[in-house]
Amino acid sequence: MSEENSAAGIWPAVDALWARLEAPRAHPGQDGVLLRVLKLSEEVGEVAEAVIGVTGQNPRKGVTHTWEDVQAELCDVAITALVALRTLTPDARQVFEHHLREVGARPYDRPA
């Protein structure tokens, strides 16, 4: 599968996840949108927990995670962000790709 086809396959999956989450949503309207966006904080916290777990930084627990766990949690963050974007607009793919092009075009200056 080419890189372009792989990236394009993300959006049908995001749409399917969004539809599955929308059907039983208990909080419609703006409250539901806000809760969907707040879900990102939970997912980022799980990344932090996995990093702490893989490095053994909690002396009470020791090493509890692997770098694969960190990778999976980062994927959950990305998926949650894309679903939240899809919740805000049906044009999520176009909005994301436009923003990605803008970010990619930003100059990168290293400090001297």
PDB file of N, CA and C in Angstrom:
ATOM      1  N   MET A   1       0.855  -1.174   0.000  1.00  0.00           N
ATOM      2  CA  MET A   1       0.000   0.000   0.000  1.00  0.00           C
ATOM      3  C   MET A   1       0.898   1.234   0.000  1.00  0.00           C
ATOM      4  N   SER A   2       0.599   2.172  -0.882  1.00  0.00           N
ATOM      5  CA  SER A   2       1.413   3.384  -0.937  1.00  0.00           C
ATOM      6  C   SER A   2       1.119   4.264   0.269  1.00  0.00           C
ATOM      7  N   GLU A   3       2.068   5.169   0.546  1.00  0.00           N
ATOM      8  CA  GLU A   3       1.890   6.074   1.684  1.00  0.00           C
ATOM      9  C   GLU A   3       0.639   6.925   1.503  1.00  0.00           C
ATOM     10  N   GLU A   4       0.395   7.371   0.278  1.00  0.00           N
ATOM     11  CA  GLU A   4      -0.784   8.206   0.020  1.00  0.00           C
ATOM     12  C   GLU A   4      -2.066   7.425   0.271  1.00  0.00           C
ATOM     13  N   ASN A   5      -2.137   6.171  -0.191  1.00  0.00           N
ATOM     14  CA  ASN A   5      -3.331   5.356   0.029  1.00  0.00           C
ATOM     15  C   ASN A   5      -3.512   5.045   1.507  1.00  0.00           C
ATOM     16  N   SER A   6      -2.417   4.826   2.216  1.00  0.00           N
ATOM     17  CA  SER A   6      -2.494   4.562   3.637  1.00  0.00           C
ATOM     18  C   SER A   6      -3.065   5.765   4.385  1.00  0.00           C
ATOM     19  N   ALA A   7      -2.572   6.962   4.063  1.00  0.00           N
ATOM     20  CA  ALA A   7      -3.077   8.178   4.706  1.00  0.00           C
ATOM     21  C   ALA A   7      -4.543   8.401   4.357  1.00  0.00           C
ATOM     22  N   ALA A   8      -4.914   8.132   3.116  1.00  0.00           N
ATOM     23  CA  ALA A   8      -6.308   8.321   2.708  1.00  0.00           C
ATOM     24  C   ALA A   8      -7.227   7.363   3.452  1.00  0.00           C
ATOM     25  N   GLY A   9      -6.701   6.184   3.825  1.00  0.00           N
ATOM     26  CA  GLY A   9      -7.504   5.206   4.543  1.00  0.00           C
ATOM     27  C   GLY A   9      -7.818   5.603   5.970  1.00  0.00           C
ATOM     28  N   ILE A  10      -7.106   6.582   6.471  1.00  0.00           N
ATOM     29  CA  ILE A  10      -7.371   7.058   7.829  1.00  0.00           C
ATOM     30  C   ILE A  10      -8.768   7.668   7.920  1.00  0.00           C
ATOM     31  N   TRP A  11      -9.135   8.429   6.927  1.00  0.00           N
ATOM     32  CA  TRP A  11     -10.376   9.205   7.018  1.00  0.00           C
ATOM     33  C   TRP A  11     -11.641   8.366   7.026  1.00  0.00           C
ATOM     34  N   PRO A  12     -11.752   7.303   6.220  1.00  0.00           N
ATOM     35  CA  PRO A  12     -12.940   6.443   6.376  1.00  0.00           C
ATOM     36  C   PRO A  12     -13.007   5.816   7.767  1.00  0.00           C
ATOM     37  N   ALA A  13     -11.839   5.471   8.329  1.00  0.00           N
ATOM     38  CA  ALA A  13     -11.822   4.902   9.679  1.00  0.00           C
ATOM     39  C   ALA A  13     -12.249   5.947  10.710  1.00  0.00           C
ATOM     40  N   VAL A  14     -11.774   7.178  10.544  1.00  0.00           N
ATOM     41  CA  VAL A  14     -12.171   8.261  11.458  1.00  0.00           C
ATOM     42  C   VAL A  14     -13.680   8.491  11.356  1.00  0.00           C
ATOM     43  N   ASP A  15     -14.199   8.529  10.131  1.00  0.00           N
ATOM     44  CA  ASP A  15     -15.644   8.718   9.949  1.00  0.00           C
ATOM     45  C   ASP A  15     -16.438   7.585  10.598  1.00  0.00           C
ATOM     46  N   ALA A  16     -15.954   6.355  10.453  1.00  0.00           N
ATOM     47  CA  ALA A  16     -16.652   5.211  11.051  1.00  0.00           C
ATOM     48  C   ALA A  16     -16.628   5.285  12.573  1.00  0.00           C
ATOM     49  N   LEU A  17     -15.481   5.634  13.146  1.00  0.00           N
ATOM     50  CA  LEU A  17     -15.394   5.794  14.605  1.00  0.00           C
ATOM     51  C   LEU A  17     -16.308   6.914  15.081  1.00  0.00           C
ATOM     52  N   TRP A  18     -16.282   8.028  14.357  1.00  0.00           N
ATOM     53  CA  TRP A  18     -17.135   9.160  14.716  1.00  0.00           C
ATOM     54  C   TRP A  18     -18.604   8.740  14.714  1.00  0.00           C
ATOM     55  N   ALA A  19     -19.023   8.045  13.662  1.00  0.00           N
ATOM     56  CA  ALA A  19     -20.427   7.619  13.560  1.00  0.00           C
ATOM     57  C   ALA A  19     -20.796   6.672  14.694  1.00  0.00           C
ATOM     58  N   ARG A  20     -19.881   5.769  15.027  1.00  0.00           N
ATOM     59  CA  ARG A  20     -20.134   4.822  16.112  1.00  0.00           C
ATOM     60  C   ARG A  20     -20.247   5.529  17.457  1.00  0.00           C
ATOM     61  N   LEU A  21     -19.458   6.575  17.652  1.00  0.00           N
ATOM     62  CA  LEU A  21     -19.495   7.326  18.910  1.00  0.00           C
ATOM     63  C   LEU A  21     -20.678   8.300  18.969  1.00  0.00           C
ATOM     64  N   GLU A  22     -21.108   8.783  17.819  1.00  0.00           N
ATOM     65  CA  GLU A  22     -22.205   9.741  17.781  1.00  0.00           C
ATOM     66  C   GLU A  22     -23.543   9.100  18.122  1.00  0.00           C
ATOM     67  N   ALA A  23     -23.756   7.885  17.665  1.00  0.00           N
ATOM     68  CA  ALA A  23     -25.060   7.231  17.828  1.00  0.00           C
ATOM     69  C   ALA A  23     -25.534   7.192  19.279  1.00  0.00           C
ATOM     70  N   PRO A  24     -24.704   6.731  20.217  1.00  0.00           N
ATOM     71  CA  PRO A  24     -25.192   6.648  21.596  1.00  0.00           C
ATOM     72  C   PRO A  24     -24.832   7.858  22.459  1.00  0.00           C
ATOM     73  N   ARG A  25     -24.383   8.933  21.838  1.00  0.00           N
ATOM     74  CA  ARG A  25     -23.884  10.070  22.625  1.00  0.00           C
ATOM     75  C   ARG A  25     -24.973  10.600  23.564  1.00  0.00           C
ATOM     76  N   ALA A  26     -24.636  10.654  24.853  1.00  0.00           N
ATOM     77  CA  ALA A  26     -25.598  11.076  25.884  1.00  0.00           C
ATOM     78  C   ALA A  26     -25.715  12.584  25.983  1.00  0.00           C
ATOM     79  N   HIS A  27     -24.696  13.301  25.527  1.00  0.00           N
ATOM     80  CA  HIS A  27     -24.684  14.757  25.643  1.00  0.00           C
ATOM     81  C   HIS A  27     -24.636  15.380  24.250  1.00  0.00           C
ATOM     82  N   PRO A  28     -25.796  15.795  23.750  1.00  0.00           N
ATOM     83  CA  PRO A  28     -25.821  16.383  22.415  1.00  0.00           C
ATOM     84  C   PRO A  28     -25.339  17.834  22.417  1.00  0.00           C
ATOM     85  N   GLY A  29     -25.181  18.366  21.237  1.00  0.00           N
ATOM     86  CA  GLY A  29     -24.856  19.775  21.086  1.00  0.00           C
ATOM     87  C   GLY A  29     -23.474  20.131  21.584  1.00  0.00           C
ATOM     88  N   GLN A  30     -23.343  21.370  22.035  1.00  0.00           N
ATOM     89  CA  GLN A  30     -22.053  21.902  22.435  1.00  0.00           C
ATOM     90  C   GLN A  30     -21.435  21.131  23.605  1.00  0.00           C
ATOM     91  N   ASP A  31     -22.258  20.672  24.541  1.00  0.00           N
ATOM     92  CA  ASP A  31     -21.722  19.896  25.662  1.00  0.00           C
ATOM     93  C   ASP A  31     -21.025  18.636  25.164  1.00  0.00           C
ATOM     94  N   GLY A  32     -21.637  17.963  24.208  1.00  0.00           N
ATOM     95  CA  GLY A  32     -21.035  16.759  23.656  1.00  0.00           C
ATOM     96  C   GLY A  32     -19.735  17.048  22.936  1.00  0.00           C
ATOM     97  N   VAL A  33     -19.691  18.160  22.225  1.00  0.00           N
ATOM     98  CA  VAL A  33     -18.461  18.561  21.527  1.00  0.00           C
ATOM     99  C   VAL A  33     -17.361  18.837  22.545  1.00  0.00           C
ATOM    100  N   LEU A  34     -17.691  19.581  23.587  1.00  0.00           N
ATOM    101  CA  LEU A  34     -16.691  19.888  24.618  1.00  0.00           C
ATOM    102  C   LEU A  34     -16.175  18.628  25.290  1.00  0.00           C
ATOM    103  N   LEU A  35     -17.054  17.691  25.585  1.00  0.00           N
ATOM    104  CA  LEU A  35     -16.627  16.442  26.211  1.00  0.00           C
ATOM    105  C   LEU A  35     -15.745  15.628  25.275  1.00  0.00           C
ATOM    106  N   ARG A  36     -16.067  15.662  23.990  1.00  0.00           N
ATOM    107  CA  ARG A  36     -15.249  14.941  23.010  1.00  0.00           C
ATOM    108  C   ARG A  36     -13.847  15.538  22.957  1.00  0.00           C
ATOM    109  N   VAL A  37     -13.749  16.857  23.025  1.00  0.00           N
ATOM    110  CA  VAL A  37     -12.444  17.518  23.003  1.00  0.00           C
ATOM    111  C   VAL A  37     -11.696  17.240  24.312  1.00  0.00           C
ATOM    112  N   LEU A  38     -12.410  17.254  25.434  1.00  0.00           N
ATOM    113  CA  LEU A  38     -11.771  16.971  26.725  1.00  0.00           C
ATOM    114  C   LEU A  38     -11.221  15.552  26.814  1.00  0.00           C
ATOM    115  N   LYS A  39     -11.771  14.650  26.029  1.00  0.00           N
ATOM    116  CA  LYS A  39     -11.275  13.275  25.997  1.00  0.00           C
ATOM    117  C   LYS A  39      -9.789  13.253  25.639  1.00  0.00           C
ATOM    118  N   LEU A  40      -9.341  14.253  24.895  1.00  0.00           N
ATOM    119  CA  LEU A  40      -7.920  14.359  24.549  1.00  0.00           C
ATOM    120  C   LEU A  40      -7.044  14.451  25.801  1.00  0.00           C
ATOM    121  N   SER A  41      -7.482  15.207  26.780  1.00  0.00           N
ATOM    122  CA  SER A  41      -6.709  15.335  28.019  1.00  0.00           C
ATOM    123  C   SER A  41      -6.536  13.984  28.697  1.00  0.00           C
ATOM    124  N   GLU A  42      -7.576  13.201  28.705  1.00  0.00           N
ATOM    125  CA  GLU A  42      -7.492  11.865  29.292  1.00  0.00           C
ATOM    126  C   GLU A  42      -6.455  11.024  28.541  1.00  0.00           C
ATOM    127  N   GLU A  43      -6.519  11.071  27.225  1.00  0.00           N
ATOM    128  CA  GLU A  43      -5.591  10.270  26.417  1.00  0.00           C
ATOM    129  C   GLU A  43      -4.147  10.732  26.594  1.00  0.00           C
ATOM    130  N   VAL A  44      -3.921  12.037  26.661  1.00  0.00           N
ATOM    131  CA  VAL A  44      -2.562  12.554  26.890  1.00  0.00           C
ATOM    132  C   VAL A  44      -2.063  12.109  28.261  1.00  0.00           C
ATOM    133  N   GLY A  45      -2.943  12.095  29.231  1.00  0.00           N
ATOM    134  CA  GLY A  45      -2.571  11.596  30.553  1.00  0.00           C
ATOM    135  C   GLY A  45      -2.141  10.138  30.511  1.00  0.00           C
ATOM    136  N   GLU A  46      -2.768   9.352  29.649  1.00  0.00           N
ATOM    137  CA  GLU A  46      -2.389   7.953  29.515  1.00  0.00           C
ATOM    138  C   GLU A  46      -1.016   7.817  28.861  1.00  0.00           C
ATOM    139  N   VAL A  47      -0.667   8.741  27.962  1.00  0.00           N
ATOM    140  CA  VAL A  47       0.689   8.754  27.402  1.00  0.00           C
ATOM    141  C   VAL A  47       1.686   9.026  28.519  1.00  0.00           C
ATOM    142  N   ALA A  48       1.400  10.027  29.333  1.00  0.00           N
ATOM    143  CA  ALA A  48       2.293  10.363  30.447  1.00  0.00           C
ATOM    144  C   ALA A  48       2.442   9.177  31.389  1.00  0.00           C
ATOM    145  N   GLU A  49       1.345   8.529  31.704  1.00  0.00           N
ATOM    146  CA  GLU A  49       1.398   7.364  32.585  1.00  0.00           C
ATOM    147  C   GLU A  49       2.273   6.260  31.986  1.00  0.00           C
ATOM    148  N   ALA A  50       2.155   6.036  30.687  1.00  0.00           N
ATOM    149  CA  ALA A  50       2.961   5.003  30.027  1.00  0.00           C
ATOM    150  C   ALA A  50       4.443   5.366  30.027  1.00  0.00           C
ATOM    151  N   VAL A  51       4.760   6.650  29.795  1.00  0.00           N
ATOM    152  CA  VAL A  51       6.166   7.075  29.820  1.00  0.00           C
ATOM    153  C   VAL A  51       6.737   6.909  31.225  1.00  0.00           C
ATOM    154  N   ILE A  52       5.980   7.310  32.225  1.00  0.00           N
ATOM    155  CA  ILE A  52       6.417   7.116  33.611  1.00  0.00           C
ATOM    156  C   ILE A  52       6.595   5.627  33.893  1.00  0.00           C
ATOM    157  N   GLY A  53       5.682   4.814  33.369  1.00  0.00           N
ATOM    158  CA  GLY A  53       5.757   3.375  33.581  1.00  0.00           C
ATOM    159  C   GLY A  53       6.923   2.712  32.871  1.00  0.00           C
ATOM    160  N   VAL A  54       7.260   3.186  31.691  1.00  0.00           N
ATOM    161  CA  VAL A  54       8.362   2.565  30.944  1.00  0.00           C
ATOM    162  C   VAL A  54       9.717   2.977  31.510  1.00  0.00           C
ATOM    163  N   THR A  55       9.762   4.130  32.134  1.00  0.00           N
ATOM    164  CA  THR A  55      11.024   4.600  32.705  1.00  0.00           C
ATOM    165  C   THR A  55      11.148   4.258  34.189  1.00  0.00           C
ATOM    166  N   GLY A  56      10.098   3.686  34.772  1.00  0.00           N
ATOM    167  CA  GLY A  56      10.146   3.286  36.171  1.00  0.00           C
ATOM    168  C   GLY A  56      10.225   4.453  37.136  1.00  0.00           C
ATOM    169  N   GLN A  57       9.638   5.582  36.752  1.00  0.00           N
ATOM    170  CA  GLN A  57       9.761   6.788  37.568  1.00  0.00           C
ATOM    171  C   GLN A  57       8.871   6.797  38.797  1.00  0.00           C
ATOM    172  N   ASN A  58       7.947   5.869  38.888  1.00  0.00           N
ATOM    173  CA  ASN A  58       7.151   5.755  40.105  1.00  0.00           C
ATOM    174  C   ASN A  58       7.777   4.646  40.945  1.00  0.00           C
ATOM    175  N   PRO A  59       8.497   5.013  42.010  1.00  0.00           N
ATOM    176  CA  PRO A  59       9.217   3.996  42.789  1.00  0.00           C
ATOM    177  C   PRO A  59       8.288   2.970  43.436  1.00  0.00           C
ATOM    178  N   ARG A  60       7.065   3.353  43.645  1.00  0.00           N
ATOM    179  CA  ARG A  60       6.103   2.425  44.255  1.00  0.00           C
ATOM    180  C   ARG A  60       5.680   1.333  43.272  1.00  0.00           C
ATOM    181  N   LYS A  61       5.687   1.659  41.965  1.00  0.00           N
ATOM    182  CA  LYS A  61       5.221   0.700  40.964  1.00  0.00           C
ATOM    183  C   LYS A  61       6.347   0.098  40.139  1.00  0.00           C
ATOM    184  N   GLY A  62       7.444   0.839  39.958  1.00  0.00           N
ATOM    185  CA  GLY A  62       8.531   0.335  39.124  1.00  0.00           C
ATOM    186  C   GLY A  62       8.176   0.402  37.644  1.00  0.00           C
ATOM    187  N   VAL A  63       8.780  -0.463  36.861  1.00  0.00           N
ATOM    188  CA  VAL A  63       8.529  -0.496  35.413  1.00  0.00           C
ATOM    189  C   VAL A  63       7.237  -1.258  35.163  1.00  0.00           C
ATOM    190  N   THR A  64       6.263  -0.556  34.568  1.00  0.00           N
ATOM    191  CA  THR A  64       4.933  -1.140  34.356  1.00  0.00           C
ATOM    192  C   THR A  64       4.496  -1.118  32.895  1.00  0.00           C
ATOM    193  N   HIS A  65       5.254  -0.429  32.030  1.00  0.00           N
ATOM    194  CA  HIS A  65       4.864  -0.286  30.633  1.00  0.00           C
ATOM    195  C   HIS A  65       6.057  -0.557  29.725  1.00  0.00           C
ATOM    196  N   THR A  66       5.755  -0.649  28.435  1.00  0.00           N
ATOM    197  CA  THR A  66       6.787  -0.799  27.412  1.00  0.00           C
ATOM    198  C   THR A  66       6.711   0.383  26.455  1.00  0.00           C
ATOM    199  N   TRP A  67       7.733   0.531  25.617  1.00  0.00           N
ATOM    200  CA  TRP A  67       7.679   1.591  24.608  1.00  0.00           C
ATOM    201  C   TRP A  67       6.558   1.327  23.612  1.00  0.00           C
ATOM    202  N   GLU A  68       6.187   0.077  23.429  1.00  0.00           N
ATOM    203  CA  GLU A  68       5.032  -0.232  22.572  1.00  0.00           C
ATOM    204  C   GLU A  68       3.754   0.311  23.194  1.00  0.00           C
ATOM    205  N   ASP A  69       3.667   0.270  24.526  1.00  0.00           N
ATOM    206  CA  ASP A  69       2.514   0.879  25.207  1.00  0.00           C
ATOM    207  C   ASP A  69       2.467   2.384  24.941  1.00  0.00           C
ATOM    208  N   VAL A  70       3.624   3.032  24.981  1.00  0.00           N
ATOM    209  CA  VAL A  70       3.687   4.470  24.705  1.00  0.00           C
ATOM    210  C   VAL A  70       3.224   4.736  23.272  1.00  0.00           C
ATOM    211  N   GLN A  71       3.704   3.924  22.339  1.00  0.00           N
ATOM    212  CA  GLN A  71       3.282   4.084  20.944  1.00  0.00           C
ATOM    213  C   GLN A  71       1.766   3.956  20.812  1.00  0.00           C
ATOM    214  N   ALA A  72       1.197   2.955  21.454  1.00  0.00           N
ATOM    215  CA  ALA A  72      -0.251   2.744  21.379  1.00  0.00           C
ATOM    216  C   ALA A  72      -1.011   3.929  21.970  1.00  0.00           C
ATOM    217  N   GLU A  73      -0.526   4.446  23.082  1.00  0.00           N
ATOM    218  CA  GLU A  73      -1.194   5.596  23.703  1.00  0.00           C
ATOM    219  C   GLU A  73      -1.092   6.834  22.815  1.00  0.00           C
ATOM    220  N   LEU A  74       0.062   7.026  22.162  1.00  0.00           N
ATOM    221  CA  LEU A  74       0.185   8.150  21.227  1.00  0.00           C
ATOM    222  C   LEU A  74      -0.780   7.994  20.058  1.00  0.00           C
ATOM    223  N   CYS A  75      -0.959   6.771  19.590  1.00  0.00           N
ATOM    224  CA  CYS A  75      -1.948   6.533  18.530  1.00  0.00           C
ATOM    225  C   CYS A  75      -3.349   6.884  19.012  1.00  0.00           C
ATOM    226  N   ASP A  76      -3.659   6.529  20.267  1.00  0.00           N
ATOM    227  CA  ASP A  76      -4.965   6.882  20.822  1.00  0.00           C
ATOM    228  C   ASP A  76      -5.170   8.396  20.851  1.00  0.00           C
ATOM    229  N   VAL A  77      -4.104   9.145  21.156  1.00  0.00           N
ATOM    230  CA  VAL A  77      -4.195  10.613  21.148  1.00  0.00           C
ATOM    231  C   VAL A  77      -4.518  11.095  19.745  1.00  0.00           C
ATOM    232  N   ALA A  78      -3.797  10.585  18.754  1.00  0.00           N
ATOM    233  CA  ALA A  78      -4.013  11.019  17.369  1.00  0.00           C
ATOM    234  C   ALA A  78      -5.430  10.679  16.912  1.00  0.00           C
ATOM    235  N   ILE A  79      -5.887   9.476  17.197  1.00  0.00           N
ATOM    236  CA  ILE A  79      -7.234   9.064  16.803  1.00  0.00           C
ATOM    237  C   ILE A  79      -8.279   9.939  17.492  1.00  0.00           C
ATOM    238  N   THR A  80      -8.117  10.156  18.777  1.00  0.00           N
ATOM    239  CA  THR A  80      -9.068  10.977  19.530  1.00  0.00           C
ATOM    240  C   THR A  80      -9.113  12.395  18.987  1.00  0.00           C
ATOM    241  N   ALA A  81      -7.954  12.947  18.635  1.00  0.00           N
ATOM    242  CA  ALA A  81      -7.914  14.300  18.067  1.00  0.00           C
ATOM    243  C   ALA A  81      -8.630  14.350  16.720  1.00  0.00           C
ATOM    244  N   LEU A  82      -8.415  13.347  15.885  1.00  0.00           N
ATOM    245  CA  LEU A  82      -9.071  13.343  14.573  1.00  0.00           C
ATOM    246  C   LEU A  82     -10.575  13.160  14.702  1.00  0.00           C
ATOM    247  N   VAL A  83     -11.011  12.335  15.633  1.00  0.00           N
ATOM    248  CA  VAL A  83     -12.456  12.170  15.861  1.00  0.00           C
ATOM    249  C   VAL A  83     -13.051  13.463  16.413  1.00  0.00           C
ATOM    250  N   ALA A  84     -12.328  14.144  17.305  1.00  0.00           N
ATOM    251  CA  ALA A  84     -12.810  15.424  17.819  1.00  0.00           C
ATOM    252  C   ALA A  84     -12.914  16.446  16.688  1.00  0.00           C
ATOM    253  N   LEU A  85     -11.920  16.468  15.805  1.00  0.00           N
ATOM    254  CA  LEU A  85     -11.978  17.372  14.652  1.00  0.00           C
ATOM    255  C   LEU A  85     -13.174  17.034  13.772  1.00  0.00           C
ATOM    256  N   ARG A  86     -13.422  15.744  13.567  1.00  0.00           N
ATOM    257  CA  ARG A  86     -14.577  15.320  12.759  1.00  0.00           C
ATOM    258  C   ARG A  86     -15.879  15.726  13.442  1.00  0.00           C
ATOM    259  N   THR A  87     -15.886  15.765  14.763  1.00  0.00           N
ATOM    260  CA  THR A  87     -17.077  16.200  15.497  1.00  0.00           C
ATOM    261  C   THR A  87     -17.352  17.681  15.238  1.00  0.00           C
ATOM    262  N   LEU A  88     -16.289  18.452  15.076  1.00  0.00           N
ATOM    263  CA  LEU A  88     -16.436  19.887  14.833  1.00  0.00           C
ATOM    264  C   LEU A  88     -16.819  20.211  13.391  1.00  0.00           C
ATOM    265  N   THR A  89     -16.373  19.372  12.441  1.00  0.00           N
ATOM    266  CA  THR A  89     -16.647  19.667  11.038  1.00  0.00           C
ATOM    267  C   THR A  89     -16.691  18.395  10.206  1.00  0.00           C
ATOM    268  N   PRO A  90     -17.644  18.293   9.288  1.00  0.00           N
ATOM    269  CA  PRO A  90     -17.635  17.143   8.374  1.00  0.00           C
ATOM    270  C   PRO A  90     -16.474  17.227   7.375  1.00  0.00           C
ATOM    271  N   ASP A  91     -15.832  18.373   7.277  1.00  0.00           N
ATOM    272  CA  ASP A  91     -14.698  18.563   6.375  1.00  0.00           C
ATOM    273  C   ASP A  91     -13.369  18.362   7.101  1.00  0.00           C
ATOM    274  N   ALA A  92     -13.331  17.439   8.056  1.00  0.00           N
ATOM    275  CA  ALA A  92     -12.148  17.237   8.886  1.00  0.00           C
ATOM    276  C   ALA A  92     -10.902  16.956   8.053  1.00  0.00           C
ATOM    277  N   ARG A  93     -11.033  16.139   7.036  1.00  0.00           N
ATOM    278  CA  ARG A  93      -9.861  15.808   6.213  1.00  0.00           C
ATOM    279  C   ARG A  93      -9.278  17.059   5.566  1.00  0.00           C
ATOM    280  N   GLN A  94     -10.128  17.876   4.967  1.00  0.00           N
ATOM    281  CA  GLN A  94      -9.651  19.084   4.295  1.00  0.00           C
ATOM    282  C   GLN A  94      -9.046  20.060   5.298  1.00  0.00           C
ATOM    283  N   VAL A  95      -9.692  20.220   6.442  1.00  0.00           N
ATOM    284  CA  VAL A  95      -9.186  21.126   7.476  1.00  0.00           C
ATOM    285  C   VAL A  95      -7.818  20.650   7.955  1.00  0.00           C
ATOM    286  N   PHE A  96      -7.692  19.359   8.212  1.00  0.00           N
ATOM    287  CA  PHE A  96      -6.432  18.818   8.706  1.00  0.00           C
ATOM    288  C   PHE A  96      -5.325  18.938   7.660  1.00  0.00           C
ATOM    289  N   GLU A  97      -5.624  18.551   6.434  1.00  0.00           N
ATOM    290  CA  GLU A  97      -4.592  18.593   5.393  1.00  0.00           C
ATOM    291  C   GLU A  97      -4.150  20.019   5.098  1.00  0.00           C
ATOM    292  N   HIS A  98      -5.078  20.963   5.130  1.00  0.00           N
ATOM    293  CA  HIS A  98      -4.711  22.373   4.935  1.00  0.00           C
ATOM    294  C   HIS A  98      -3.794  22.837   6.063  1.00  0.00           C
ATOM    295  N   HIS A  99      -4.149  22.496   7.286  1.00  0.00           N
ATOM    296  CA  HIS A  99      -3.338  22.913   8.435  1.00  0.00           C
ATOM    297  C   HIS A  99      -1.962  22.241   8.397  1.00  0.00           C
ATOM    298  N   LEU A 100      -1.929  20.979   8.015  1.00  0.00           N
ATOM    299  CA  LEU A 100      -0.659  20.267   7.922  1.00  0.00           C
ATOM    300  C   LEU A 100       0.261  20.918   6.885  1.00  0.00           C
ATOM    301  N   ARG A 101      -0.308  21.330   5.757  1.00  0.00           N
ATOM    302  CA  ARG A 101       0.499  22.041   4.747  1.00  0.00           C
ATOM    303  C   ARG A 101       1.034  23.348   5.314  1.00  0.00           C
ATOM    304  N   GLU A 102       0.202  24.079   6.046  1.00  0.00           N
ATOM    305  CA  GLU A 102       0.649  25.341   6.651  1.00  0.00           C
ATOM    306  C   GLU A 102       1.765  25.111   7.668  1.00  0.00           C
ATOM    307  N   VAL A 103       1.610  24.108   8.488  1.00  0.00           N
ATOM    308  CA  VAL A 103       2.642  23.805   9.487  1.00  0.00           C
ATOM    309  C   VAL A 103       3.925  23.369   8.783  1.00  0.00           C
ATOM    310  N   GLY A 104       3.799  22.565   7.751  1.00  0.00           N
ATOM    311  CA  GLY A 104       4.966  22.108   7.007  1.00  0.00           C
ATOM    312  C   GLY A 104       5.707  23.231   6.297  1.00  0.00           C
ATOM    313  N   ALA A 105       5.002  24.307   5.984  1.00  0.00           N
ATOM    314  CA  ALA A 105       5.617  25.435   5.278  1.00  0.00           C
ATOM    315  C   ALA A 105       6.249  26.447   6.233  1.00  0.00           C
ATOM    316  N   ARG A 106       6.042  26.284   7.520  1.00  0.00           N
ATOM    317  CA  ARG A 106       6.632  27.223   8.483  1.00  0.00           C
ATOM    318  C   ARG A 106       8.156  27.120   8.446  1.00  0.00           C
ATOM    319  N   PRO A 107       8.802  28.275   8.541  1.00  0.00           N
ATOM    320  CA  PRO A 107      10.273  28.208   8.571  1.00  0.00           C
ATOM    321  C   PRO A 107      10.747  27.597   9.877  1.00  0.00           C
ATOM    322  N   TYR A 108      11.865  26.911   9.783  1.00  0.00           N
ATOM    323  CA  TYR A 108      12.461  26.307  10.967  1.00  0.00           C
ATOM    324  C   TYR A 108      13.832  26.928  11.137  1.00  0.00           C
ATOM    325  N   ASP A 109      13.934  27.760  12.125  1.00  0.00           N
ATOM    326  CA  ASP A 109      15.197  28.424  12.412  1.00  0.00           C
ATOM    327  C   ASP A 109      15.739  27.870  13.710  1.00  0.00           C
ATOM    328  N   ARG A 110      16.943  27.351  13.640  1.00  0.00           N
ATOM    329  CA  ARG A 110      17.605  26.878  14.867  1.00  0.00           C
ATOM    330  C   ARG A 110      18.249  28.061  15.546  1.00  0.00           C
ATOM    331  N   PRO A 111      18.188  28.070  16.862  1.00  0.00           N
ATOM    332  CA  PRO A 111      18.890  29.142  17.586  1.00  0.00           C
ATOM    333  C   PRO A 111      20.401  29.048  17.343  1.00  0.00           C
ATOM    334  N   ALA A 112      21.039  30.199  17.293  1.00  0.00           N
ATOM    335  CA  ALA A 112      22.497  30.214  17.034  1.00  0.00           C
ATOM    336  C   ALA A 112      23.276  29.790  18.238  1.00  0.00           C
TER     337      ALA A 112
END
